[in-house]
N, C-alpha and C. Protein backbone atom coordinates (compact mmCIF):
# COMPACT_ATOMS: atom_id res chain seq x y z
N MET A 1 19.19 181.24 254.03
CA MET A 1 20.48 181.82 253.67
C MET A 1 21.51 181.45 254.71
N GLN A 2 21.14 181.50 255.97
CA GLN A 2 22.11 181.16 257.02
C GLN A 2 22.53 179.71 256.92
N THR A 3 21.53 178.83 256.58
CA THR A 3 21.87 177.42 256.45
C THR A 3 22.83 177.20 255.28
N GLY A 4 22.60 177.87 254.18
CA GLY A 4 23.49 177.73 253.02
C GLY A 4 24.86 178.25 253.32
N SER A 5 24.96 179.35 254.05
CA SER A 5 26.26 179.93 254.39
C SER A 5 27.02 178.99 255.30
N SER A 6 26.31 178.36 256.23
CA SER A 6 26.98 177.45 257.18
C SER A 6 27.55 176.25 256.44
N GLU A 7 26.79 175.73 255.48
CA GLU A 7 27.27 174.57 254.73
C GLU A 7 28.50 174.93 253.89
N LEU A 8 28.50 176.14 253.31
CA LEU A 8 29.64 176.58 252.51
C LEU A 8 30.89 176.71 253.36
N ILE A 9 30.69 177.28 254.57
CA ILE A 9 31.84 177.46 255.49
C ILE A 9 32.39 176.10 255.89
N LEU A 10 31.48 175.16 256.15
CA LEU A 10 31.92 173.83 256.56
C LEU A 10 32.69 173.14 255.43
N GLN A 11 32.21 173.31 254.20
CA GLN A 11 32.89 172.71 253.06
C GLN A 11 34.30 173.30 252.89
N LEU A 12 34.40 174.63 253.08
CA LEU A 12 35.71 175.28 252.96
C LEU A 12 36.68 174.79 254.03
N ILE A 13 36.14 174.60 255.25
CA ILE A 13 37.00 174.09 256.35
C ILE A 13 37.51 172.69 256.02
N LEU A 14 36.60 171.84 255.52
CA LEU A 14 36.99 170.47 255.18
C LEU A 14 38.02 170.46 254.05
N LEU A 15 37.82 171.34 253.08
CA LEU A 15 38.76 171.43 251.96
C LEU A 15 40.14 171.86 252.45
N GLY A 16 40.14 172.86 253.34
CA GLY A 16 41.42 173.33 253.87
C GLY A 16 42.12 172.25 254.67
N PHE A 17 41.33 171.51 255.44
CA PHE A 17 41.91 170.43 256.25
C PHE A 17 42.54 169.34 255.36
N THR A 18 41.78 169.05 254.29
CA THR A 18 42.28 168.03 253.34
C THR A 18 43.59 168.46 252.70
N ILE A 19 43.66 169.74 252.32
CA ILE A 19 44.88 170.28 251.70
C ILE A 19 46.06 170.18 252.67
N ILE A 20 45.79 170.52 253.93
CA ILE A 20 46.86 170.47 254.94
C ILE A 20 47.38 169.04 255.10
N VAL A 21 46.44 168.06 255.13
CA VAL A 21 46.83 166.64 255.28
C VAL A 21 47.66 166.19 254.09
N LEU A 22 47.28 166.57 252.89
CA LEU A 22 48.05 166.20 251.69
C LEU A 22 49.46 166.78 251.72
N ILE A 23 49.54 168.05 252.17
CA ILE A 23 50.86 168.70 252.24
C ILE A 23 51.77 167.96 253.22
N LEU A 24 51.22 167.61 254.39
CA LEU A 24 52.02 166.90 255.41
C LEU A 24 52.46 165.53 254.90
N PHE A 25 51.55 164.83 254.21
CA PHE A 25 51.87 163.49 253.70
C PHE A 25 52.99 163.55 252.65
N THR A 26 52.89 164.56 251.77
CA THR A 26 53.91 164.75 250.73
C THR A 26 55.26 165.08 251.34
N TYR A 27 55.28 165.88 252.36
CA TYR A 27 56.52 166.30 253.03
C TYR A 27 57.21 165.10 253.68
N ARG A 28 56.42 164.26 254.31
CA ARG A 28 57.01 163.07 254.97
C ARG A 28 57.66 162.14 253.95
N ASN A 29 57.00 161.93 252.83
CA ASN A 29 57.57 161.07 251.81
C ASN A 29 58.87 161.61 251.24
N THR A 30 58.90 162.94 251.07
CA THR A 30 60.10 163.59 250.50
C THR A 30 61.27 163.46 251.44
N THR A 31 61.09 163.74 252.71
CA THR A 31 62.19 163.69 253.68
C THR A 31 62.59 162.26 253.98
N GLY A 32 61.66 161.34 253.87
CA GLY A 32 61.98 159.93 254.15
C GLY A 32 62.94 159.35 253.15
N ASN A 33 62.86 159.80 251.89
CA ASN A 33 63.76 159.30 250.87
C ASN A 33 65.17 159.81 251.01
N SER A 34 65.38 160.87 251.77
CA SER A 34 66.72 161.47 251.91
C SER A 34 67.41 161.01 253.17
N THR A 35 66.85 160.00 253.85
CA THR A 35 67.49 159.48 255.06
C THR A 35 67.79 158.02 254.88
N ARG A 36 68.73 157.48 255.67
CA ARG A 36 69.08 156.06 255.67
C ARG A 36 69.24 155.63 257.11
N HIS A 37 68.51 154.56 257.47
CA HIS A 37 68.54 154.05 258.83
C HIS A 37 68.16 155.11 259.85
N GLY A 38 67.24 155.97 259.49
CA GLY A 38 66.74 156.97 260.42
C GLY A 38 67.62 158.18 260.56
N GLU A 39 68.73 158.27 259.84
CA GLU A 39 69.64 159.42 259.96
C GLU A 39 69.50 160.30 258.73
N ARG A 40 69.19 161.59 258.95
CA ARG A 40 69.04 162.52 257.84
C ARG A 40 70.43 162.84 257.28
N LEU A 41 70.55 162.80 255.95
CA LEU A 41 71.82 163.12 255.31
C LEU A 41 72.04 164.62 255.32
N ARG A 42 73.27 164.99 255.57
CA ARG A 42 73.61 166.40 255.53
C ARG A 42 73.76 166.85 254.09
N PRO A 43 73.48 168.09 253.81
CA PRO A 43 73.64 168.60 252.45
C PRO A 43 75.09 168.47 251.99
N GLY A 44 75.28 167.99 250.80
CA GLY A 44 76.63 167.88 250.25
C GLY A 44 77.36 166.64 250.67
N LYS A 45 76.79 165.82 251.57
CA LYS A 45 77.46 164.62 252.04
C LYS A 45 77.08 163.44 251.15
N VAL A 46 78.09 162.72 250.64
CA VAL A 46 77.85 161.57 249.80
C VAL A 46 78.19 160.32 250.59
N GLU A 47 77.28 159.42 250.72
CA GLU A 47 77.51 158.20 251.48
C GLU A 47 78.12 157.14 250.56
N MET A 48 79.30 156.57 250.96
CA MET A 48 80.00 155.57 250.16
C MET A 48 79.59 154.19 250.62
N GLU A 49 79.29 153.34 249.67
CA GLU A 49 78.97 151.96 249.99
C GLU A 49 80.23 151.11 249.90
N LEU A 50 80.46 150.26 250.93
CA LEU A 50 81.62 149.40 250.94
C LEU A 50 81.46 148.30 249.90
N PRO A 51 82.57 147.96 249.20
CA PRO A 51 82.46 146.89 248.19
C PRO A 51 82.17 145.55 248.85
N VAL A 52 81.38 144.77 248.20
CA VAL A 52 81.02 143.47 248.71
C VAL A 52 81.94 142.43 248.08
N GLU A 53 82.61 141.62 248.94
CA GLU A 53 83.51 140.60 248.42
C GLU A 53 82.71 139.52 247.69
N PRO A 54 83.19 139.11 246.53
CA PRO A 54 82.47 138.07 245.80
C PRO A 54 82.48 136.75 246.56
N ASP A 55 81.43 136.02 246.45
CA ASP A 55 81.30 134.75 247.13
C ASP A 55 81.93 133.65 246.29
N VAL A 56 83.27 133.48 246.47
CA VAL A 56 83.99 132.47 245.71
C VAL A 56 84.72 131.55 246.67
N GLU A 57 84.99 130.35 246.23
CA GLU A 57 85.71 129.39 247.05
C GLU A 57 87.20 129.71 247.02
N PRO A 58 87.90 129.54 248.18
CA PRO A 58 89.35 129.81 248.21
C PRO A 58 90.10 128.83 247.33
N ILE A 59 91.16 129.34 246.72
CA ILE A 59 91.98 128.50 245.85
C ILE A 59 93.05 127.83 246.69
N ASP A 60 93.23 126.53 246.53
CA ASP A 60 94.24 125.80 247.28
C ASP A 60 95.63 126.32 246.93
N GLU A 61 96.53 126.31 247.95
CA GLU A 61 97.91 126.71 247.71
C GLU A 61 98.58 125.68 246.79
N PRO A 62 99.42 126.14 245.87
CA PRO A 62 100.09 125.19 244.98
C PRO A 62 101.01 124.26 245.76
N VAL A 63 101.07 123.00 245.38
CA VAL A 63 101.92 122.01 246.05
C VAL A 63 103.31 122.07 245.43
N ALA A 64 104.32 122.16 246.31
CA ALA A 64 105.69 122.23 245.82
C ALA A 64 106.09 120.87 245.23
N VAL A 65 106.62 120.90 244.03
CA VAL A 65 107.07 119.67 243.36
C VAL A 65 108.56 119.50 243.62
N PRO A 66 108.97 118.35 244.18
CA PRO A 66 110.40 118.15 244.45
C PRO A 66 111.21 118.31 243.18
N SER A 67 112.29 119.07 243.28
CA SER A 67 113.14 119.27 242.11
C SER A 67 114.03 118.06 241.89
N GLU A 68 114.43 117.86 240.66
CA GLU A 68 115.31 116.76 240.34
C GLU A 68 116.71 117.06 240.89
N PRO A 69 117.47 116.01 241.26
CA PRO A 69 118.81 116.25 241.79
C PRO A 69 119.69 116.98 240.78
N VAL A 70 120.54 117.84 241.29
CA VAL A 70 121.42 118.62 240.42
C VAL A 70 122.58 117.73 239.98
N CYS A 71 122.79 117.61 238.71
CA CYS A 71 123.88 116.80 238.18
C CYS A 71 125.15 117.64 238.07
N ILE A 72 126.26 117.01 238.30
CA ILE A 72 127.56 117.67 238.19
C ILE A 72 128.26 117.10 236.96
N ARG A 73 128.74 117.96 236.12
CA ARG A 73 129.40 117.53 234.89
C ARG A 73 130.82 118.07 234.85
N GLY A 74 131.71 117.28 234.32
CA GLY A 74 133.09 117.75 234.20
C GLY A 74 134.05 116.65 233.81
N ARG A 75 135.31 117.04 233.64
CA ARG A 75 136.35 116.08 233.31
C ARG A 75 136.88 115.45 234.59
N VAL A 76 137.21 114.17 234.51
CA VAL A 76 137.54 113.38 235.71
C VAL A 76 139.04 113.24 235.91
N TRP A 77 139.44 113.39 237.19
CA TRP A 77 140.79 113.03 237.62
C TRP A 77 140.64 111.93 238.65
N VAL A 78 141.32 110.81 238.45
CA VAL A 78 141.15 109.64 239.31
C VAL A 78 142.07 109.72 240.53
N VAL A 79 141.47 109.56 241.72
CA VAL A 79 142.23 109.53 242.97
C VAL A 79 142.65 108.10 243.28
N ASP A 80 141.68 107.19 243.31
CA ASP A 80 141.95 105.76 243.52
C ASP A 80 140.81 104.95 242.89
N GLY A 81 140.68 103.71 243.30
CA GLY A 81 139.71 102.84 242.65
C GLY A 81 138.25 103.15 242.93
N ASP A 82 137.97 104.03 243.89
CA ASP A 82 136.57 104.38 244.17
C ASP A 82 136.35 105.86 244.42
N THR A 83 137.36 106.68 244.16
CA THR A 83 137.25 108.12 244.41
C THR A 83 137.80 108.89 243.21
N ILE A 84 137.07 109.94 242.82
CA ILE A 84 137.50 110.78 241.71
C ILE A 84 137.35 112.25 242.10
N LYS A 85 137.90 113.11 241.28
CA LYS A 85 137.70 114.55 241.42
C LYS A 85 137.17 115.08 240.10
N MET A 86 136.16 115.95 240.21
CA MET A 86 135.63 116.59 239.01
C MET A 86 134.86 117.84 239.40
N ALA A 87 135.01 118.88 238.60
CA ALA A 87 134.29 120.16 238.79
C ALA A 87 134.48 120.69 240.20
N GLY A 88 135.66 120.52 240.77
CA GLY A 88 135.95 121.06 242.10
C GLY A 88 135.44 120.22 243.24
N HIS A 89 134.90 119.04 242.97
CA HIS A 89 134.36 118.16 244.01
C HIS A 89 135.19 116.89 244.12
N THR A 90 135.37 116.41 245.36
CA THR A 90 135.91 115.07 245.58
C THR A 90 134.72 114.14 245.74
N ILE A 91 134.63 113.13 244.89
CA ILE A 91 133.43 112.30 244.82
C ILE A 91 133.77 110.85 245.11
N ARG A 92 133.07 110.29 246.09
CA ARG A 92 133.17 108.86 246.43
C ARG A 92 132.07 108.12 245.67
N LEU A 93 132.47 107.12 244.88
CA LEU A 93 131.49 106.40 244.08
C LEU A 93 130.52 105.63 244.98
N HIS A 94 129.28 105.66 244.61
CA HIS A 94 128.20 105.05 245.39
C HIS A 94 128.20 103.53 245.29
N GLY A 95 127.97 102.85 246.42
CA GLY A 95 127.61 101.44 246.43
C GLY A 95 128.72 100.43 246.25
N MET A 96 129.97 100.85 246.11
CA MET A 96 131.07 99.89 245.94
C MET A 96 132.31 100.38 246.68
N ASP A 97 133.27 99.45 246.88
CA ASP A 97 134.49 99.76 247.62
C ASP A 97 135.65 99.07 246.93
N ALA A 98 136.70 99.83 246.64
CA ALA A 98 137.87 99.27 245.97
C ALA A 98 139.05 99.26 246.95
N PRO A 99 140.04 98.41 246.72
CA PRO A 99 141.21 98.39 247.60
C PRO A 99 141.90 99.75 247.64
N GLU A 100 142.47 100.08 248.80
CA GLU A 100 143.25 101.31 248.93
C GLU A 100 144.51 101.21 248.08
N THR A 101 145.07 102.35 247.71
CA THR A 101 146.23 102.33 246.81
C THR A 101 147.45 101.66 247.44
N ASN A 102 147.54 101.69 248.78
CA ASN A 102 148.66 101.04 249.46
C ASN A 102 148.27 99.65 249.99
N GLN A 103 147.15 99.12 249.49
CA GLN A 103 146.68 97.78 249.82
C GLN A 103 146.88 96.88 248.60
N LYS A 104 147.00 95.59 248.81
CA LYS A 104 147.16 94.67 247.70
C LYS A 104 146.01 94.83 246.71
N GLY A 105 146.36 95.05 245.47
CA GLY A 105 145.36 95.23 244.41
C GLY A 105 144.91 96.67 244.22
N GLY A 106 145.34 97.56 245.12
CA GLY A 106 144.89 98.96 245.06
C GLY A 106 145.37 99.70 243.83
N GLN A 107 146.63 99.49 243.45
CA GLN A 107 147.16 100.17 242.27
C GLN A 107 146.51 99.64 240.99
N ARG A 108 146.22 98.34 240.97
CA ARG A 108 145.55 97.78 239.79
C ARG A 108 144.12 98.33 239.67
N ALA A 109 143.45 98.48 240.80
CA ALA A 109 142.10 99.04 240.78
C ALA A 109 142.12 100.49 240.28
N ARG A 110 143.09 101.26 240.75
CA ARG A 110 143.21 102.65 240.31
C ARG A 110 143.50 102.71 238.81
N SER A 111 144.39 101.85 238.33
CA SER A 111 144.72 101.83 236.90
C SER A 111 143.50 101.48 236.05
N HIS A 112 142.68 100.56 236.55
CA HIS A 112 141.48 100.20 235.80
C HIS A 112 140.48 101.36 235.77
N MET A 113 140.38 102.07 236.87
CA MET A 113 139.50 103.25 236.90
C MET A 113 139.98 104.30 235.90
N ILE A 114 141.29 104.49 235.82
CA ILE A 114 141.84 105.45 234.86
C ILE A 114 141.49 105.04 233.44
N ARG A 115 141.57 103.74 233.15
CA ARG A 115 141.22 103.28 231.80
C ARG A 115 139.75 103.55 231.49
N LEU A 116 138.90 103.45 232.49
CA LEU A 116 137.47 103.64 232.26
C LEU A 116 137.09 105.11 232.11
N VAL A 117 137.70 105.99 232.93
CA VAL A 117 137.17 107.35 233.00
C VAL A 117 138.23 108.45 233.02
N GLY A 118 139.49 108.12 233.22
CA GLY A 118 140.52 109.15 233.36
C GLY A 118 140.55 110.12 232.18
N GLY A 119 140.45 111.41 232.46
CA GLY A 119 140.50 112.44 231.44
C GLY A 119 139.24 112.57 230.61
N LYS A 120 138.23 111.80 230.92
CA LYS A 120 136.98 111.86 230.16
C LYS A 120 135.95 112.72 230.88
N ASP A 121 134.94 113.12 230.13
CA ASP A 121 133.84 113.87 230.73
C ASP A 121 132.84 112.89 231.34
N ALA A 122 132.34 113.24 232.53
CA ALA A 122 131.41 112.37 233.23
C ALA A 122 130.29 113.19 233.84
N VAL A 123 129.27 112.48 234.29
CA VAL A 123 128.14 113.10 234.97
C VAL A 123 127.97 112.42 236.33
N ALA A 124 127.92 113.22 237.40
CA ALA A 124 127.74 112.69 238.76
C ALA A 124 126.37 113.09 239.28
N VAL A 125 125.66 112.11 239.83
CA VAL A 125 124.35 112.37 240.44
C VAL A 125 124.50 112.20 241.95
N PRO A 126 124.54 113.30 242.72
CA PRO A 126 124.76 113.21 244.17
C PRO A 126 123.67 112.41 244.87
N ILE A 127 124.10 111.60 245.85
CA ILE A 127 123.18 110.79 246.63
C ILE A 127 123.29 111.10 248.11
N ASP A 128 124.52 111.30 248.60
CA ASP A 128 124.72 111.49 250.04
C ASP A 128 126.07 112.16 250.27
N THR A 129 126.41 112.34 251.55
CA THR A 129 127.72 112.85 251.95
C THR A 129 128.29 111.88 252.98
N ASP A 130 129.56 111.46 252.82
CA ASP A 130 130.11 110.49 253.76
C ASP A 130 130.69 111.18 254.99
N ARG A 131 131.24 110.38 255.90
CA ARG A 131 131.74 110.92 257.18
C ARG A 131 132.91 111.87 257.01
N TYR A 132 133.56 111.81 255.85
CA TYR A 132 134.70 112.69 255.60
C TYR A 132 134.30 113.96 254.85
N GLY A 133 133.01 114.14 254.62
CA GLY A 133 132.52 115.32 253.93
C GLY A 133 132.56 115.22 252.42
N ARG A 134 132.89 114.02 251.92
CA ARG A 134 132.93 113.85 250.46
C ARG A 134 131.53 113.57 249.92
N MET A 135 131.32 114.03 248.72
CA MET A 135 130.06 113.73 248.05
C MET A 135 130.03 112.25 247.64
N VAL A 136 128.92 111.58 247.92
CA VAL A 136 128.72 110.22 247.45
C VAL A 136 127.77 110.31 246.26
N ALA A 137 128.17 109.74 245.14
CA ALA A 137 127.37 109.94 243.93
C ALA A 137 127.48 108.74 242.99
N LYS A 138 126.47 108.60 242.15
CA LYS A 138 126.56 107.69 241.01
C LYS A 138 127.22 108.48 239.89
N VAL A 139 128.23 107.89 239.30
CA VAL A 139 128.97 108.59 238.24
C VAL A 139 128.82 107.81 236.94
N TRP A 140 128.49 108.55 235.90
CA TRP A 140 128.24 107.95 234.59
C TRP A 140 129.21 108.52 233.55
N VAL A 141 129.75 107.64 232.74
CA VAL A 141 130.52 108.04 231.56
C VAL A 141 129.73 107.52 230.37
N GLY A 142 129.02 108.41 229.71
CA GLY A 142 128.08 107.96 228.69
C GLY A 142 127.00 107.13 229.35
N GLU A 143 126.85 105.88 228.95
CA GLU A 143 125.85 104.99 229.53
C GLU A 143 126.46 104.03 230.55
N ILE A 144 127.73 104.23 230.90
CA ILE A 144 128.42 103.34 231.83
C ILE A 144 128.31 103.87 233.26
N ASP A 145 127.75 103.05 234.14
CA ASP A 145 127.73 103.33 235.58
C ASP A 145 129.08 102.85 236.12
N LEU A 146 129.94 103.78 236.56
CA LEU A 146 131.29 103.41 236.97
C LEU A 146 131.31 102.40 238.11
N SER A 147 130.42 102.57 239.09
CA SER A 147 130.39 101.63 240.22
C SER A 147 130.07 100.22 239.72
N ALA A 148 129.10 100.13 238.83
CA ALA A 148 128.73 98.83 238.29
C ALA A 148 129.87 98.23 237.47
N GLN A 149 130.53 99.06 236.67
CA GLN A 149 131.59 98.55 235.80
C GLN A 149 132.80 98.08 236.59
N MET A 150 133.20 98.84 237.61
CA MET A 150 134.34 98.44 238.44
C MET A 150 134.05 97.13 239.16
N THR A 151 132.81 96.96 239.63
CA THR A 151 132.44 95.73 240.33
C THR A 151 132.34 94.57 239.35
N ARG A 152 131.75 94.81 238.21
CA ARG A 152 131.59 93.76 237.18
C ARG A 152 132.95 93.27 236.69
N ASP A 153 133.92 94.19 236.58
CA ASP A 153 135.24 93.83 236.07
C ASP A 153 136.14 93.22 237.13
N GLY A 154 135.67 93.14 238.38
CA GLY A 154 136.44 92.47 239.43
C GLY A 154 137.47 93.34 240.13
N PHE A 155 137.23 94.67 240.17
CA PHE A 155 138.18 95.56 240.84
C PHE A 155 137.57 96.30 242.03
N ALA A 156 136.37 95.87 242.43
CA ALA A 156 135.70 96.48 243.58
C ALA A 156 134.70 95.48 244.15
N VAL A 157 134.37 95.66 245.42
CA VAL A 157 133.34 94.84 246.05
C VAL A 157 132.09 95.69 246.28
N ALA A 158 130.95 95.03 246.29
CA ALA A 158 129.70 95.74 246.57
C ALA A 158 129.60 96.08 248.05
N MET A 159 129.12 97.26 248.35
CA MET A 159 128.93 97.67 249.75
C MET A 159 127.51 97.30 250.17
N SER A 160 127.31 96.00 250.38
CA SER A 160 125.97 95.49 250.68
C SER A 160 125.41 96.04 251.98
N ARG A 161 126.26 96.55 252.83
CA ARG A 161 125.80 97.15 254.08
C ARG A 161 124.92 98.37 253.83
N TYR A 162 125.17 99.06 252.72
CA TYR A 162 124.44 100.29 252.41
C TYR A 162 123.41 100.10 251.29
N CYS A 163 123.71 99.24 250.33
CA CYS A 163 122.76 99.00 249.24
C CYS A 163 123.11 97.68 248.56
N ASN A 164 122.16 97.15 247.82
CA ASN A 164 122.38 95.88 247.12
C ASN A 164 122.45 96.07 245.60
N ASP A 165 122.78 97.28 245.18
CA ASP A 165 122.78 97.58 243.75
C ASP A 165 123.78 96.72 242.97
N TYR A 166 124.92 96.39 243.60
CA TYR A 166 125.99 95.72 242.86
C TYR A 166 126.37 94.35 243.45
N THR A 167 125.57 93.83 244.36
CA THR A 167 125.87 92.55 244.99
C THR A 167 125.94 91.42 243.96
N ALA A 168 124.97 91.37 243.05
CA ALA A 168 124.94 90.32 242.03
C ALA A 168 126.15 90.42 241.10
N LEU A 169 126.58 91.66 240.81
CA LEU A 169 127.74 91.84 239.92
C LEU A 169 129.02 91.34 240.59
N GLU A 170 129.13 91.55 241.90
CA GLU A 170 130.31 91.03 242.60
C GLU A 170 130.34 89.49 242.56
N LYS A 171 129.19 88.87 242.82
CA LYS A 171 129.12 87.41 242.77
C LYS A 171 129.49 86.89 241.39
N GLN A 172 129.03 87.59 240.37
CA GLN A 172 129.33 87.18 239.00
C GLN A 172 130.83 87.30 238.72
N ALA A 173 131.44 88.41 239.16
CA ALA A 173 132.88 88.62 238.93
C ALA A 173 133.71 87.58 239.66
N ARG A 174 133.29 87.22 240.87
CA ARG A 174 134.00 86.16 241.62
C ARG A 174 133.90 84.83 240.87
N ALA A 175 132.69 84.50 240.45
CA ALA A 175 132.47 83.22 239.77
C ALA A 175 133.26 83.13 238.47
N GLU A 176 133.39 84.24 237.77
CA GLU A 176 134.10 84.25 236.49
C GLU A 176 135.58 84.59 236.65
N ARG A 177 136.02 84.78 237.90
CA ARG A 177 137.42 85.09 238.23
C ARG A 177 137.94 86.29 237.42
N LYS A 178 137.18 87.34 237.48
CA LYS A 178 137.57 88.55 236.75
C LYS A 178 138.45 89.45 237.63
N GLY A 179 139.30 90.23 236.97
CA GLY A 179 140.09 91.23 237.67
C GLY A 179 140.89 90.67 238.83
N LEU A 180 140.71 91.25 239.98
CA LEU A 180 141.46 90.85 241.17
C LEU A 180 141.02 89.50 241.73
N TRP A 181 139.90 88.99 241.22
CA TRP A 181 139.44 87.66 241.65
C TRP A 181 140.10 86.54 240.84
N SER A 182 140.90 86.89 239.86
CA SER A 182 141.43 85.88 238.93
C SER A 182 142.26 84.81 239.64
N SER A 183 143.07 85.20 240.62
CA SER A 183 143.91 84.22 241.32
C SER A 183 143.26 83.66 242.56
N ASP A 184 142.30 84.39 243.12
CA ASP A 184 141.67 83.94 244.36
C ASP A 184 140.25 84.49 244.43
N PRO A 185 139.24 83.67 244.14
CA PRO A 185 137.86 84.17 244.14
C PRO A 185 137.30 84.42 245.53
N VAL A 186 138.08 84.10 246.56
CA VAL A 186 137.63 84.34 247.94
C VAL A 186 138.27 85.59 248.51
N ASN A 187 139.60 85.66 248.43
CA ASN A 187 140.33 86.80 249.01
C ASN A 187 141.06 87.64 247.97
N GLY A 188 140.58 87.60 246.74
CA GLY A 188 141.22 88.41 245.70
C GLY A 188 141.17 89.89 246.03
N ILE A 189 140.07 90.32 246.65
CA ILE A 189 139.97 91.69 247.16
C ILE A 189 139.76 91.56 248.67
N ARG A 190 140.74 91.95 249.42
CA ARG A 190 140.65 91.86 250.87
C ARG A 190 139.95 93.09 251.42
N ASN A 191 139.00 92.86 252.25
CA ASN A 191 138.11 93.88 252.84
C ASN A 191 138.75 95.27 252.93
N PRO A 192 138.43 96.18 251.98
CA PRO A 192 139.03 97.53 252.02
C PRO A 192 138.66 98.30 253.30
N ALA A 193 137.44 98.15 253.77
CA ALA A 193 137.03 98.87 254.99
C ALA A 193 137.82 98.38 256.20
N GLY A 194 138.03 97.06 256.28
CA GLY A 194 138.83 96.51 257.37
C GLY A 194 140.26 96.99 257.31
N PHE A 195 140.81 97.11 256.09
CA PHE A 195 142.17 97.61 255.92
C PHE A 195 142.28 99.05 256.40
N ARG A 196 141.27 99.88 256.10
CA ARG A 196 141.31 101.28 256.52
C ARG A 196 141.25 101.38 258.05
N ARG A 197 140.43 100.55 258.69
CA ARG A 197 140.35 100.57 260.16
C ARG A 197 141.70 100.16 260.77
N TRP A 198 142.29 99.11 260.19
CA TRP A 198 143.59 98.66 260.69
C TRP A 198 144.66 99.75 260.53
N LYS A 199 144.65 100.39 259.36
CA LYS A 199 145.63 101.44 259.10
C LYS A 199 145.48 102.60 260.08
N LYS A 200 144.23 102.97 260.35
CA LYS A 200 143.98 104.08 261.28
C LYS A 200 144.46 103.73 262.68
N LYS A 201 144.21 102.49 263.12
CA LYS A 201 144.68 102.07 264.45
C LYS A 201 146.20 102.01 264.50
N ARG A 202 146.79 101.55 263.42
CA ARG A 202 148.25 101.45 263.38
C ARG A 202 148.89 102.82 263.48
N GLU A 203 148.31 103.78 262.75
CA GLU A 203 148.85 105.14 262.79
C GLU A 203 148.70 105.77 264.16
N SER A 204 147.68 105.33 264.91
CA SER A 204 147.49 105.87 266.27
C SER A 204 148.24 105.07 267.31
N GLY A 205 148.92 103.97 266.87
CA GLY A 205 149.70 103.16 267.79
C GLY A 205 148.94 102.04 268.43
N ASP A 206 147.70 101.80 268.02
CA ASP A 206 146.88 100.76 268.61
C ASP A 206 146.78 99.49 267.78
N GLY A 207 147.29 99.51 266.56
CA GLY A 207 147.12 98.36 265.66
C GLY A 207 148.35 97.48 265.61
N GLY A 208 148.18 96.26 265.05
CA GLY A 208 149.28 95.35 264.89
C GLY A 208 150.08 95.65 263.64
N SER A 209 151.10 94.86 263.39
CA SER A 209 151.97 95.10 262.24
C SER A 209 151.51 94.37 260.99
N ILE A 210 150.55 93.44 261.14
CA ILE A 210 150.08 92.65 260.00
C ILE A 210 148.70 93.13 259.59
N ALA A 211 148.56 93.43 258.32
CA ALA A 211 147.27 93.92 257.80
C ALA A 211 146.24 92.78 257.80
N PRO A 212 144.97 93.09 257.97
CA PRO A 212 143.93 92.05 257.96
C PRO A 212 143.81 91.42 256.58
N THR A 213 143.43 90.16 256.54
CA THR A 213 143.32 89.45 255.28
C THR A 213 141.90 89.28 254.82
N GLY A 214 140.90 89.58 255.66
CA GLY A 214 139.51 89.39 255.28
C GLY A 214 138.67 90.58 255.60
């Protein structure tokens, strides 16, 4: 009887020990799920997860596309053989030079410009600004490039120092004795730029009394 009682007591002790171990194991699993990185969460505290940025390649910045030049439109008033006024702008025609109005051939050049464009609507495409602050532009009346037409008709010289757009037209006008070249294909148009320099010196008291011929 004593042996049987001892075995029963031992079995009960083992059973109790097993129950205690199971309880402890269950408790650890329960509390472990309520913690993150070893820190127990407080009751009522909600942990916010930071949003993860998507793994995408950066988009290149858009490349600026150069805008087309702004055209000026309006009715033309002729100043001289290479200068006009339109839409509030004083415009020097690009690539050619006509005699000054007080220079030989200057009034004829101005009259020819008036015949081509005076009182008509034109389109100016700005190219530059000259030393006097005037806009330098190509001016079109319909499909006519005024600089080209004045040079072709023999009332202007090409400004080869700045561009060669109208050099061939000047040579053609000289050869065909057009406009101011009709009486003299060499000096029919006397260097307008040289005349302006002479005039400026004369007005300042440094120039001679005879205008340059070439």
